[in-house]
N, C-alpha and C. Protein backbone atom coordinates (compact mmCIF):
# COMPACT_ATOMS: atom_id res chain seq x y z
N UNK A 1 79.26 100.29 203.21
CA UNK A 1 77.80 100.38 203.12
C UNK A 1 77.14 99.37 204.06
N UNK A 2 77.71 98.12 204.08
CA UNK A 2 77.16 97.10 204.97
C UNK A 2 77.26 97.54 206.43
N UNK A 3 78.37 98.22 206.74
CA UNK A 3 78.58 98.69 208.12
C UNK A 3 77.52 99.72 208.49
N UNK A 4 77.24 100.65 207.55
CA UNK A 4 76.23 101.68 207.81
C UNK A 4 74.85 101.05 207.99
N UNK A 5 74.57 100.04 207.16
CA UNK A 5 73.26 99.38 207.25
C UNK A 5 73.10 98.70 208.60
N UNK A 6 74.21 98.07 209.07
CA UNK A 6 74.14 97.40 210.37
C UNK A 6 73.92 98.41 211.50
N UNK A 7 74.58 99.56 211.40
CA UNK A 7 74.43 100.60 212.42
C UNK A 7 72.99 101.12 212.45
N UNK A 8 72.42 101.35 211.24
CA UNK A 8 71.04 101.84 211.16
C UNK A 8 70.07 100.82 211.73
N UNK A 9 70.33 99.54 211.42
CA UNK A 9 69.46 98.47 211.93
C UNK A 9 69.53 98.39 213.45
N UNK A 10 70.73 98.55 213.99
CA UNK A 10 70.92 98.50 215.44
C UNK A 10 70.22 99.67 216.13
N UNK A 11 70.31 100.86 215.51
CA UNK A 11 69.65 102.05 216.06
C UNK A 11 68.14 101.89 216.07
N UNK A 12 67.61 101.29 214.99
CA UNK A 12 66.16 101.06 214.92
C UNK A 12 65.72 100.10 216.01
N UNK A 13 66.56 99.08 216.26
CA UNK A 13 66.24 98.11 217.31
C UNK A 13 66.23 98.78 218.68
N UNK A 14 67.21 99.65 218.93
CA UNK A 14 67.26 100.37 220.19
C UNK A 14 66.03 101.26 220.38
N UNK A 15 65.62 101.94 219.30
CA UNK A 15 64.45 102.82 219.38
C UNK A 15 63.20 102.02 219.70
N UNK A 16 63.08 100.85 219.07
CA UNK A 16 61.91 100.00 219.31
C UNK A 16 61.87 99.53 220.76
N UNK A 17 63.04 99.11 221.27
CA UNK A 17 63.12 98.66 222.66
C UNK A 17 62.78 99.79 223.63
N UNK A 18 63.29 101.00 223.30
CA UNK A 18 63.03 102.15 224.15
C UNK A 18 61.54 102.47 224.21
N UNK A 19 60.86 102.38 223.05
CA UNK A 19 59.42 102.65 222.99
C UNK A 19 58.66 101.62 223.80
N UNK A 20 59.06 100.34 223.68
CA UNK A 20 58.38 99.27 224.42
C UNK A 20 58.52 99.47 225.92
N UNK A 21 59.74 99.83 226.36
CA UNK A 21 59.98 100.06 227.78
C UNK A 21 59.15 101.24 228.27
N UNK A 22 59.11 102.32 227.44
CA UNK A 22 58.36 103.51 227.82
C UNK A 22 56.88 103.21 227.97
N UNK A 23 56.31 102.48 226.99
CA UNK A 23 54.90 102.12 227.05
C UNK A 23 54.61 101.23 228.24
N UNK A 24 55.53 100.32 228.52
CA UNK A 24 55.35 99.43 229.66
C UNK A 24 55.35 100.19 230.97
N UNK A 25 56.25 101.16 231.08
CA UNK A 25 56.33 101.97 232.30
C UNK A 25 55.07 102.78 232.50
N UNK A 26 54.52 103.30 231.37
CA UNK A 26 53.28 104.08 231.46
C UNK A 26 52.14 103.22 231.95
N UNK A 27 52.06 101.99 231.43
CA UNK A 27 50.99 101.07 231.83
C UNK A 27 51.09 100.73 233.30
N UNK A 28 52.32 100.48 233.76
CA UNK A 28 52.52 100.15 235.16
C UNK A 28 52.12 101.33 236.04
N UNK A 29 52.53 102.56 235.58
CA UNK A 29 52.21 103.75 236.35
C UNK A 29 50.70 103.94 236.49
N UNK A 30 49.95 103.73 235.39
CA UNK A 30 48.50 103.88 235.43
C UNK A 30 47.88 102.84 236.35
N UNK A 31 48.40 101.62 236.28
CA UNK A 31 47.86 100.55 237.12
C UNK A 31 48.14 100.82 238.59
N UNK A 32 49.31 101.42 238.85
CA UNK A 32 49.68 101.69 240.24
C UNK A 32 48.75 102.69 240.92
N UNK A 33 48.09 103.56 240.13
CA UNK A 33 47.21 104.56 240.73
C UNK A 33 45.84 104.01 241.06
N UNK A 34 45.47 102.87 240.50
CA UNK A 34 44.14 102.32 240.75
C UNK A 34 43.98 101.98 242.23
N UNK A 35 42.86 102.40 242.78
CA UNK A 35 42.57 102.11 244.18
C UNK A 35 43.22 103.06 245.16
N UNK A 36 43.99 104.03 244.68
CA UNK A 36 44.65 104.98 245.57
C UNK A 36 43.64 106.00 246.09
N UNK A 37 43.61 106.20 247.40
CA UNK A 37 42.72 107.20 248.00
C UNK A 37 43.32 108.59 247.78
N UNK A 38 42.64 109.39 247.00
CA UNK A 38 43.08 110.76 246.74
C UNK A 38 42.59 111.71 247.83
N UNK A 39 41.39 111.43 248.33
CA UNK A 39 40.81 112.19 249.44
C UNK A 39 40.10 111.21 250.36
N UNK A 40 40.33 111.36 251.66
CA UNK A 40 39.62 110.54 252.66
C UNK A 40 39.42 111.42 253.90
N UNK A 41 38.49 112.34 253.78
CA UNK A 41 38.29 113.37 254.81
C UNK A 41 37.07 113.03 255.66
N UNK A 42 37.32 112.81 256.97
CA UNK A 42 36.21 112.52 257.89
C UNK A 42 35.94 113.70 258.83
N UNK A 43 36.58 114.82 258.56
CA UNK A 43 36.34 116.07 259.29
C UNK A 43 36.62 115.98 260.78
N UNK A 44 37.60 115.17 261.12
CA UNK A 44 38.07 115.12 262.50
C UNK A 44 39.27 116.04 262.71
N UNK A 45 39.80 116.58 261.59
CA UNK A 45 40.95 117.48 261.66
C UNK A 45 40.54 118.86 261.13
N UNK A 46 41.02 119.90 261.79
CA UNK A 46 40.68 121.26 261.38
C UNK A 46 41.17 121.58 259.98
N UNK A 47 42.32 120.99 259.61
CA UNK A 47 42.85 121.19 258.26
C UNK A 47 43.11 119.83 257.62
N UNK A 48 43.05 119.81 256.30
CA UNK A 48 43.24 118.56 255.56
C UNK A 48 43.84 118.92 254.20
N UNK A 49 44.82 118.12 253.72
CA UNK A 49 45.45 118.43 252.43
C UNK A 49 44.41 118.55 251.31
N UNK A 50 44.58 119.56 250.49
CA UNK A 50 43.76 119.80 249.30
C UNK A 50 42.37 120.36 249.62
N UNK A 51 42.00 120.45 250.90
CA UNK A 51 40.66 120.93 251.26
C UNK A 51 40.60 122.46 251.28
N UNK A 52 39.52 122.99 250.69
CA UNK A 52 39.25 124.42 250.75
C UNK A 52 37.77 124.62 251.05
N UNK A 53 37.46 124.97 252.28
CA UNK A 53 36.07 125.24 252.68
C UNK A 53 35.80 126.71 252.40
N UNK A 54 35.03 126.98 251.33
CA UNK A 54 34.94 128.34 250.80
C UNK A 54 33.52 128.91 250.83
N UNK A 55 33.47 130.23 250.66
CA UNK A 55 32.22 131.00 250.52
C UNK A 55 31.28 130.87 251.71
N UNK A 56 31.85 130.77 252.90
CA UNK A 56 31.03 130.67 254.10
C UNK A 56 31.87 130.45 255.34
N UNK A 57 31.26 130.60 256.51
CA UNK A 57 31.94 130.42 257.79
C UNK A 57 31.80 128.96 258.22
N UNK A 58 32.59 128.10 257.60
CA UNK A 58 32.52 126.66 257.88
C UNK A 58 33.05 126.36 259.27
N UNK A 59 32.36 125.46 259.97
CA UNK A 59 32.82 124.93 261.25
C UNK A 59 33.16 123.46 261.04
N UNK A 60 34.37 123.07 261.43
CA UNK A 60 34.80 121.68 261.27
C UNK A 60 35.20 121.14 262.64
N UNK A 61 34.39 120.22 263.16
CA UNK A 61 34.64 119.67 264.50
C UNK A 61 33.82 118.41 264.70
N UNK A 62 34.39 117.48 265.48
CA UNK A 62 33.68 116.26 265.88
C UNK A 62 33.17 115.45 264.68
N UNK A 63 33.95 115.44 263.62
CA UNK A 63 33.59 114.60 262.47
C UNK A 63 32.53 115.18 261.56
N UNK A 64 32.29 116.47 261.65
CA UNK A 64 31.28 117.10 260.79
C UNK A 64 31.77 118.49 260.35
N UNK A 65 31.58 118.78 259.06
CA UNK A 65 31.79 120.13 258.53
C UNK A 65 30.41 120.74 258.33
N UNK A 66 30.18 121.93 258.89
CA UNK A 66 28.85 122.53 258.81
C UNK A 66 28.93 124.02 258.51
N UNK A 67 27.91 124.51 257.82
CA UNK A 67 27.86 125.93 257.49
C UNK A 67 26.42 126.32 257.15
N UNK A 68 26.09 127.58 257.44
CA UNK A 68 24.81 128.16 257.03
C UNK A 68 25.10 129.26 256.02
N UNK A 69 24.33 129.29 254.95
CA UNK A 69 24.58 130.30 253.92
C UNK A 69 24.43 131.71 254.48
N UNK A 70 25.39 132.56 254.12
CA UNK A 70 25.35 133.98 254.43
C UNK A 70 24.84 134.70 253.18
N UNK A 71 23.72 135.40 253.28
CA UNK A 71 23.12 136.02 252.10
C UNK A 71 24.00 137.08 251.46
N UNK A 72 24.79 137.79 252.27
CA UNK A 72 25.69 138.80 251.72
C UNK A 72 26.80 138.13 250.91
N UNK A 73 27.33 137.03 251.43
CA UNK A 73 28.35 136.30 250.68
C UNK A 73 27.76 135.69 249.41
N UNK A 74 26.52 135.26 249.49
CA UNK A 74 25.84 134.70 248.32
C UNK A 74 25.80 135.74 247.19
N UNK A 75 25.50 136.98 247.53
CA UNK A 75 25.48 138.05 246.53
C UNK A 75 26.90 138.35 246.05
N UNK A 76 27.84 138.37 247.01
CA UNK A 76 29.23 138.67 246.66
C UNK A 76 29.78 137.69 245.64
N UNK A 77 29.43 136.42 245.79
CA UNK A 77 29.93 135.39 244.89
C UNK A 77 28.95 135.09 243.75
N UNK A 78 28.20 136.11 243.35
CA UNK A 78 27.33 136.05 242.18
C UNK A 78 26.35 134.89 242.26
N UNK A 79 25.62 134.85 243.38
CA UNK A 79 24.56 133.86 243.59
C UNK A 79 25.11 132.42 243.66
N UNK A 80 26.23 132.28 244.34
CA UNK A 80 26.81 130.97 244.61
C UNK A 80 26.96 130.81 246.13
N UNK A 81 26.47 129.70 246.65
CA UNK A 81 26.52 129.45 248.08
C UNK A 81 27.82 128.80 248.54
N UNK A 82 27.90 128.41 249.81
CA UNK A 82 29.10 127.76 250.36
C UNK A 82 29.46 126.50 249.59
N UNK A 83 30.75 126.16 249.64
CA UNK A 83 31.22 125.00 248.87
C UNK A 83 32.45 124.38 249.54
N UNK A 84 32.53 123.06 249.48
CA UNK A 84 33.69 122.31 249.97
C UNK A 84 34.45 121.80 248.75
N UNK A 85 35.70 122.25 248.62
CA UNK A 85 36.48 121.98 247.40
C UNK A 85 37.72 121.15 247.72
N UNK A 86 38.00 120.17 246.87
CA UNK A 86 39.23 119.38 246.95
C UNK A 86 39.93 119.45 245.60
N UNK A 87 41.10 120.06 245.59
CA UNK A 87 41.86 120.21 244.36
C UNK A 87 42.85 119.05 244.24
N UNK A 88 42.44 118.03 243.50
CA UNK A 88 43.24 116.82 243.34
C UNK A 88 43.10 116.34 241.89
N UNK A 89 44.19 116.29 241.11
CA UNK A 89 44.08 115.80 239.74
C UNK A 89 43.57 114.36 239.70
N UNK A 90 42.63 114.09 238.81
CA UNK A 90 42.09 112.74 238.64
C UNK A 90 41.40 112.66 237.28
N UNK A 91 41.22 111.46 236.80
CA UNK A 91 40.48 111.25 235.56
C UNK A 91 39.39 110.21 235.81
N UNK A 92 39.79 108.95 235.93
CA UNK A 92 38.85 107.91 236.35
C UNK A 92 38.88 107.84 237.87
N UNK A 93 37.72 108.00 238.49
CA UNK A 93 37.69 108.05 239.96
C UNK A 93 36.30 107.74 240.49
N UNK A 94 36.27 107.36 241.76
CA UNK A 94 34.99 107.17 242.44
C UNK A 94 34.96 108.08 243.66
N UNK A 95 33.77 108.59 243.97
CA UNK A 95 33.60 109.50 245.10
C UNK A 95 32.45 109.03 245.98
N UNK A 96 32.60 109.26 247.28
CA UNK A 96 31.53 109.01 248.24
C UNK A 96 31.41 110.25 249.11
N UNK A 97 30.20 110.80 249.16
CA UNK A 97 29.96 111.99 249.99
C UNK A 97 28.71 111.76 250.82
N UNK A 98 28.83 111.98 252.13
CA UNK A 98 27.68 111.88 253.03
C UNK A 98 27.37 113.27 253.57
N UNK A 99 26.13 113.71 253.41
CA UNK A 99 25.76 115.07 253.77
C UNK A 99 24.31 115.15 254.25
N UNK A 100 24.01 116.23 254.97
CA UNK A 100 22.64 116.46 255.45
C UNK A 100 22.24 117.90 255.16
N UNK A 101 21.23 118.12 254.32
CA UNK A 101 20.76 119.47 254.02
C UNK A 101 19.64 119.91 254.95
N UNK A 102 19.61 121.20 255.22
CA UNK A 102 18.53 121.79 256.02
C UNK A 102 18.04 123.04 255.29
N UNK A 103 16.89 122.94 254.66
CA UNK A 103 16.33 124.09 253.96
C UNK A 103 17.07 124.49 252.71
N UNK A 104 17.82 123.58 252.10
CA UNK A 104 18.58 123.90 250.89
C UNK A 104 17.69 123.85 249.65
N UNK A 105 17.94 124.76 248.73
CA UNK A 105 17.23 124.73 247.45
C UNK A 105 17.93 123.81 246.45
N UNK A 106 19.22 123.60 246.68
CA UNK A 106 19.99 122.70 245.81
C UNK A 106 21.27 122.29 246.51
N UNK A 107 21.68 121.03 246.28
CA UNK A 107 23.00 120.54 246.68
C UNK A 107 23.62 119.96 245.42
N UNK A 108 24.87 120.37 245.14
CA UNK A 108 25.48 120.04 243.85
C UNK A 108 26.87 119.42 244.04
N UNK A 109 27.06 118.21 243.47
CA UNK A 109 28.38 117.57 243.43
C UNK A 109 28.94 117.77 242.04
N UNK A 110 30.21 118.22 241.96
CA UNK A 110 30.80 118.53 240.67
C UNK A 110 32.23 118.03 240.58
N UNK A 111 32.60 117.55 239.39
CA UNK A 111 33.99 117.30 239.04
C UNK A 111 34.36 118.31 237.95
N UNK A 112 35.34 119.16 238.23
CA UNK A 112 35.75 120.18 237.27
C UNK A 112 36.86 119.66 236.36
N UNK A 113 36.78 120.04 235.08
CA UNK A 113 37.77 119.61 234.10
C UNK A 113 39.11 120.31 234.34
N UNK A 114 40.19 119.62 234.01
CA UNK A 114 41.53 120.19 234.20
C UNK A 114 41.73 121.45 233.36
N UNK A 115 41.08 121.51 232.20
CA UNK A 115 41.22 122.67 231.31
C UNK A 115 40.17 123.74 231.60
N UNK A 116 39.36 123.53 232.63
CA UNK A 116 38.34 124.50 232.98
C UNK A 116 36.94 124.01 232.63
N UNK A 117 35.96 124.51 233.35
CA UNK A 117 34.58 124.08 233.11
C UNK A 117 34.23 122.86 233.94
N UNK A 118 32.96 122.49 233.87
CA UNK A 118 32.45 121.35 234.63
C UNK A 118 32.38 120.11 233.75
N UNK A 119 33.13 119.08 234.12
CA UNK A 119 33.11 117.84 233.34
C UNK A 119 31.89 116.99 233.68
N UNK A 120 31.49 117.03 234.96
CA UNK A 120 30.40 116.16 235.41
C UNK A 120 29.75 116.78 236.64
N UNK A 121 28.42 116.66 236.70
CA UNK A 121 27.71 117.28 237.83
C UNK A 121 26.44 116.51 238.17
N UNK A 122 26.18 116.40 239.49
CA UNK A 122 24.92 115.87 240.00
C UNK A 122 24.26 116.99 240.79
N UNK A 123 23.09 117.44 240.33
CA UNK A 123 22.38 118.52 241.00
C UNK A 123 21.12 117.96 241.64
N UNK A 124 21.03 118.08 242.96
CA UNK A 124 19.90 117.55 243.71
C UNK A 124 19.05 118.69 244.23
N UNK A 125 17.75 118.62 243.96
CA UNK A 125 16.82 119.65 244.43
C UNK A 125 15.63 118.98 245.11
N UNK A 126 14.99 119.66 246.05
CA UNK A 126 13.82 119.06 246.71
C UNK A 126 12.60 119.10 245.80
N UNK A 127 11.64 118.23 246.08
CA UNK A 127 10.38 118.28 245.34
C UNK A 127 9.63 119.56 245.70
N UNK A 128 9.07 120.21 244.69
CA UNK A 128 8.34 121.45 244.91
C UNK A 128 7.12 121.46 243.99
N UNK A 129 5.92 121.26 244.55
CA UNK A 129 4.70 121.25 243.72
C UNK A 129 4.52 122.53 242.91
N UNK A 130 5.08 123.63 243.42
CA UNK A 130 4.95 124.90 242.71
C UNK A 130 5.90 124.97 241.51
N UNK A 131 6.92 124.11 241.51
CA UNK A 131 7.89 124.10 240.41
C UNK A 131 8.07 122.66 239.91
N UNK A 132 7.06 122.11 239.25
CA UNK A 132 7.12 120.71 238.82
C UNK A 132 8.23 120.41 237.81
N UNK A 133 8.67 121.44 237.10
CA UNK A 133 9.73 121.23 236.10
C UNK A 133 11.12 121.24 236.74
N UNK A 134 11.20 121.68 237.98
CA UNK A 134 12.49 121.69 238.67
C UNK A 134 12.76 120.30 239.22
N UNK A 135 13.74 119.63 238.65
CA UNK A 135 14.04 118.25 239.04
C UNK A 135 15.53 118.06 239.30
N UNK A 136 15.83 117.07 240.11
CA UNK A 136 17.23 116.66 240.26
C UNK A 136 17.72 116.16 238.91
N UNK A 137 19.01 116.37 238.63
CA UNK A 137 19.52 116.01 237.31
C UNK A 137 21.01 115.68 237.36
N UNK A 138 21.43 114.89 236.37
CA UNK A 138 22.85 114.62 236.12
C UNK A 138 23.19 115.32 234.81
N UNK A 139 24.23 116.16 234.82
CA UNK A 139 24.52 116.97 233.65
C UNK A 139 26.02 117.03 233.36
N UNK A 140 26.33 117.49 232.15
CA UNK A 140 27.69 117.89 231.80
C UNK A 140 27.57 119.20 231.03
N UNK A 141 28.69 119.71 230.54
CA UNK A 141 28.65 121.01 229.85
C UNK A 141 29.51 120.97 228.59
N UNK A 142 29.01 121.63 227.54
CA UNK A 142 29.72 121.74 226.27
C UNK A 142 30.09 123.19 226.02
N UNK A 143 31.37 123.44 225.79
CA UNK A 143 31.84 124.78 225.46
C UNK A 143 32.47 124.77 224.07
N UNK A 144 32.51 125.94 223.43
CA UNK A 144 33.11 126.02 222.10
C UNK A 144 34.59 125.71 222.14
N UNK A 145 35.22 126.03 223.28
CA UNK A 145 36.62 125.67 223.48
C UNK A 145 36.83 125.39 224.96
N UNK A 146 37.81 124.53 225.30
CA UNK A 146 38.04 124.16 226.70
C UNK A 146 38.28 125.38 227.59
N UNK A 147 37.61 125.39 228.74
CA UNK A 147 37.82 126.46 229.70
C UNK A 147 37.04 127.73 229.43
N UNK A 148 36.21 127.74 228.38
CA UNK A 148 35.42 128.93 228.07
C UNK A 148 34.43 129.22 229.20
N UNK A 149 34.19 130.51 229.47
CA UNK A 149 33.29 130.89 230.56
C UNK A 149 31.86 130.45 230.28
N UNK A 150 31.44 130.55 229.04
CA UNK A 150 30.08 130.16 228.69
C UNK A 150 30.07 128.75 228.12
N UNK A 151 29.17 127.92 228.65
CA UNK A 151 29.07 126.54 228.18
C UNK A 151 27.61 126.12 228.21
N UNK A 152 27.25 125.26 227.29
CA UNK A 152 25.87 124.77 227.20
C UNK A 152 25.70 123.57 228.13
N UNK A 153 24.68 123.62 228.97
CA UNK A 153 24.39 122.49 229.85
C UNK A 153 23.73 121.37 229.05
N UNK A 154 24.23 120.16 229.24
CA UNK A 154 23.66 118.98 228.59
C UNK A 154 23.09 118.08 229.68
N UNK A 155 21.78 117.90 229.67
CA UNK A 155 21.13 117.05 230.67
C UNK A 155 21.25 115.59 230.26
N UNK A 156 21.88 114.79 231.10
CA UNK A 156 22.08 113.37 230.81
C UNK A 156 20.96 112.52 231.40
N UNK A 157 20.41 112.97 232.52
CA UNK A 157 19.27 112.28 233.13
C UNK A 157 18.58 113.22 234.12
N UNK A 158 17.28 113.39 233.97
CA UNK A 158 16.50 114.14 234.96
C UNK A 158 15.15 113.45 235.20
N UNK A 159 15.13 112.17 234.89
CA UNK A 159 13.87 111.41 235.01
C UNK A 159 13.75 110.69 236.35
N UNK A 160 14.81 110.04 236.77
CA UNK A 160 14.71 109.22 237.98
C UNK A 160 15.82 109.52 239.00
N UNK A 161 16.39 110.72 238.93
CA UNK A 161 17.37 111.14 239.94
C UNK A 161 16.59 111.54 241.20
N UNK A 162 16.91 110.94 242.35
CA UNK A 162 16.14 111.21 243.57
C UNK A 162 16.13 112.69 243.96
N UNK A 163 15.02 113.10 244.55
CA UNK A 163 14.91 114.47 245.06
C UNK A 163 15.73 114.61 246.33
N UNK A 164 16.09 115.83 246.65
CA UNK A 164 16.83 116.13 247.87
C UNK A 164 15.91 115.97 249.07
N UNK A 165 16.33 115.16 250.04
CA UNK A 165 15.52 114.91 251.24
C UNK A 165 15.98 115.82 252.36
N UNK A 166 15.15 116.75 252.76
CA UNK A 166 15.52 117.74 253.77
C UNK A 166 15.63 117.11 255.16
N UNK A 167 16.73 117.43 255.84
CA UNK A 167 16.91 116.99 257.22
C UNK A 167 17.39 115.57 257.40
N UNK A 168 17.67 114.87 256.30
CA UNK A 168 18.13 113.48 256.38
C UNK A 168 19.56 113.36 255.86
N UNK A 169 20.32 112.45 256.47
CA UNK A 169 21.65 112.16 255.95
C UNK A 169 21.51 111.40 254.64
N UNK A 170 22.27 111.82 253.63
CA UNK A 170 22.25 111.17 252.32
C UNK A 170 23.66 110.70 251.98
N UNK A 171 23.74 109.60 251.26
CA UNK A 171 25.03 109.06 250.81
C UNK A 171 25.02 109.05 249.28
N UNK A 172 25.86 109.88 248.70
CA UNK A 172 25.98 109.96 247.25
C UNK A 172 27.25 109.25 246.81
N UNK A 173 27.10 108.29 245.89
CA UNK A 173 28.24 107.56 245.35
C UNK A 173 28.32 107.81 243.85
N UNK A 174 29.50 108.20 243.39
CA UNK A 174 29.72 108.50 241.98
C UNK A 174 30.96 107.76 241.50
N UNK A 175 30.85 107.06 240.38
CA UNK A 175 32.01 106.42 239.76
C UNK A 175 32.09 106.87 238.31
N UNK A 176 33.25 107.40 237.93
CA UNK A 176 33.47 107.89 236.58
C UNK A 176 34.65 107.14 235.97
N UNK A 177 34.38 106.42 234.88
CA UNK A 177 35.43 105.69 234.16
C UNK A 177 35.24 105.95 232.67
N UNK A 178 36.22 106.59 232.05
CA UNK A 178 36.09 106.93 230.64
C UNK A 178 34.92 107.88 230.44
N UNK A 179 34.07 107.55 229.47
CA UNK A 179 32.92 108.42 229.17
C UNK A 179 31.66 108.02 229.92
N UNK A 180 31.80 107.14 230.91
CA UNK A 180 30.64 106.61 231.62
C UNK A 180 30.68 106.96 233.10
N UNK A 181 29.54 107.35 233.62
CA UNK A 181 29.42 107.66 235.05
C UNK A 181 28.26 106.87 235.64
N UNK A 182 28.47 106.37 236.85
CA UNK A 182 27.42 105.68 237.59
C UNK A 182 27.16 106.44 238.88
N UNK A 183 25.91 106.76 239.12
CA UNK A 183 25.52 107.52 240.29
C UNK A 183 24.57 106.68 241.14
N UNK A 184 24.88 106.58 242.43
CA UNK A 184 24.00 105.85 243.35
C UNK A 184 23.59 106.78 244.48
N UNK A 185 22.29 106.88 244.70
CA UNK A 185 21.75 107.68 245.79
C UNK A 185 20.52 106.96 246.32
N UNK A 186 20.58 106.57 247.58
CA UNK A 186 19.49 105.77 248.14
C UNK A 186 19.39 104.44 247.43
N UNK A 187 18.20 104.09 246.99
CA UNK A 187 17.98 102.82 246.29
C UNK A 187 18.15 102.95 244.79
N UNK A 188 18.44 104.15 244.31
CA UNK A 188 18.50 104.41 242.87
C UNK A 188 19.94 104.37 242.37
N UNK A 189 20.17 103.62 241.28
CA UNK A 189 21.47 103.60 240.61
C UNK A 189 21.25 104.00 239.15
N UNK A 190 22.00 105.00 238.70
CA UNK A 190 21.80 105.56 237.36
C UNK A 190 23.13 105.57 236.62
N UNK A 191 23.08 105.17 235.34
CA UNK A 191 24.28 105.14 234.51
C UNK A 191 24.09 106.10 233.33
N UNK A 192 25.08 106.95 233.08
CA UNK A 192 25.01 107.90 231.97
C UNK A 192 26.32 107.87 231.19
N UNK A 193 26.26 108.33 229.93
CA UNK A 193 27.44 108.37 229.08
C UNK A 193 27.51 109.69 228.33
N UNK A 194 28.72 110.22 228.20
CA UNK A 194 28.96 111.40 227.36
C UNK A 194 30.47 111.59 227.25
N UNK A 195 30.92 112.02 226.06
CA UNK A 195 32.36 112.21 225.84
C UNK A 195 32.99 113.18 226.83
N UNK A 196 32.24 114.19 227.26
CA UNK A 196 32.78 115.20 228.17
C UNK A 196 33.17 114.62 229.53
N UNK A 197 32.53 113.53 229.90
CA UNK A 197 32.82 112.91 231.19
C UNK A 197 34.25 112.39 231.25
N UNK A 198 34.80 112.02 230.10
CA UNK A 198 36.13 111.40 230.04
C UNK A 198 37.28 112.39 230.22
N UNK A 199 36.98 113.67 230.31
CA UNK A 199 38.04 114.68 230.45
C UNK A 199 38.90 114.46 231.70
N UNK A 200 40.16 114.85 231.61
CA UNK A 200 40.99 114.90 232.81
C UNK A 200 40.39 115.94 233.75
N UNK A 201 40.44 115.66 235.04
CA UNK A 201 39.78 116.53 236.02
C UNK A 201 40.79 117.02 237.07
N UNK A 202 40.43 118.13 237.72
CA UNK A 202 41.35 118.70 238.71
C UNK A 202 40.70 118.98 240.06
N UNK A 203 39.37 118.98 240.10
CA UNK A 203 38.67 119.35 241.33
C UNK A 203 37.43 118.47 241.52
N UNK A 204 37.19 118.08 242.78
CA UNK A 204 35.91 117.47 243.17
C UNK A 204 35.35 118.33 244.29
N UNK A 205 34.03 118.62 244.26
CA UNK A 205 33.50 119.57 245.24
C UNK A 205 32.02 119.35 245.49
N UNK A 206 31.56 119.85 246.63
CA UNK A 206 30.15 119.79 246.99
C UNK A 206 29.73 121.18 247.46
N UNK A 207 28.72 121.73 246.78
CA UNK A 207 28.23 123.05 247.13
C UNK A 207 26.72 123.04 247.30
N UNK A 208 26.19 124.15 247.78
CA UNK A 208 24.74 124.23 247.96
C UNK A 208 24.29 125.68 247.95
N UNK A 209 22.99 125.89 247.84
CA UNK A 209 22.44 127.24 247.91
C UNK A 209 21.28 127.28 248.88
N UNK A 210 21.31 128.28 249.74
CA UNK A 210 20.30 128.55 250.77
C UNK A 210 20.29 127.47 251.87
N UNK A 211 19.83 127.88 253.04
CA UNK A 211 19.76 126.94 254.16
C UNK A 211 21.12 126.62 254.75
N UNK A 212 21.26 125.40 255.24
CA UNK A 212 22.49 124.95 255.89
C UNK A 212 22.83 123.54 255.44
N UNK A 213 24.11 123.19 255.57
CA UNK A 213 24.57 121.86 255.14
C UNK A 213 25.59 121.32 256.12
N UNK A 214 25.51 120.02 256.38
CA UNK A 214 26.53 119.30 257.13
C UNK A 214 27.12 118.22 256.23
N UNK A 215 28.43 118.01 256.34
CA UNK A 215 29.12 116.94 255.61
C UNK A 215 29.91 116.13 256.63
N UNK A 216 29.79 114.80 256.57
CA UNK A 216 30.55 113.99 257.52
C UNK A 216 31.55 113.05 256.83
N UNK A 217 31.52 113.00 255.51
CA UNK A 217 32.49 112.18 254.79
C UNK A 217 32.63 112.67 253.36
N UNK A 218 33.89 112.74 252.91
CA UNK A 218 34.17 113.05 251.51
C UNK A 218 35.36 112.20 251.09
N UNK A 219 35.12 111.27 250.19
CA UNK A 219 36.17 110.38 249.71
C UNK A 219 36.29 110.49 248.19
N UNK A 220 37.53 110.38 247.71
CA UNK A 220 37.79 110.33 246.27
C UNK A 220 38.89 109.32 246.04
N UNK A 221 38.64 108.36 245.17
CA UNK A 221 39.59 107.27 244.94
C UNK A 221 39.82 107.07 243.45
N UNK A 222 41.08 106.89 243.05
CA UNK A 222 41.41 106.64 241.65
C UNK A 222 40.90 105.27 241.23
N UNK A 223 40.38 105.19 240.01
CA UNK A 223 39.85 103.93 239.49
C UNK A 223 40.73 103.43 238.34
């Protein structure tokens, strides 16, 4: 009996050590990803890993990606304009995107959830006296189950998000850590919180509707 007890005690000790080693390895692995550049696209190369320039005839040359919306393609894709997509798994991350809109009705930066749907979105629209309720906003989405096609939009901030400036280069900075996101555009810095923001993510992208768009930088870095 004493022998069996010693064996059981030794096995328990081994299991405990194994769990400690496993947890330690996980922590090291998570720490190792911090600061890693997941995307660093300056559009000097015709092709780039994880990049998908979709829903339009994108031109990529001399450090700029540019496209003008094609109305037929807009209808084909159910009223969705051109989009620059990077399929890179991430959870906590920071993004920097520099772009110039020309006649756009909206420019939208989105992080898509790994299970489907939009985890986080910044929608920028120009000021329009005829549509005073149409404002730039930071939003997320709630669905009855992950990946559902229909989801309720939750507005996190639409009070002081800068309007889209036509014809000017803009620098959008987004940092997402846990359930908190910080958005910087121009002189404005905005912080929002929501549980949906903390989801594991699989895609970062920039899209727009109507007019034309140029992009000269798209960065995504693990935090």
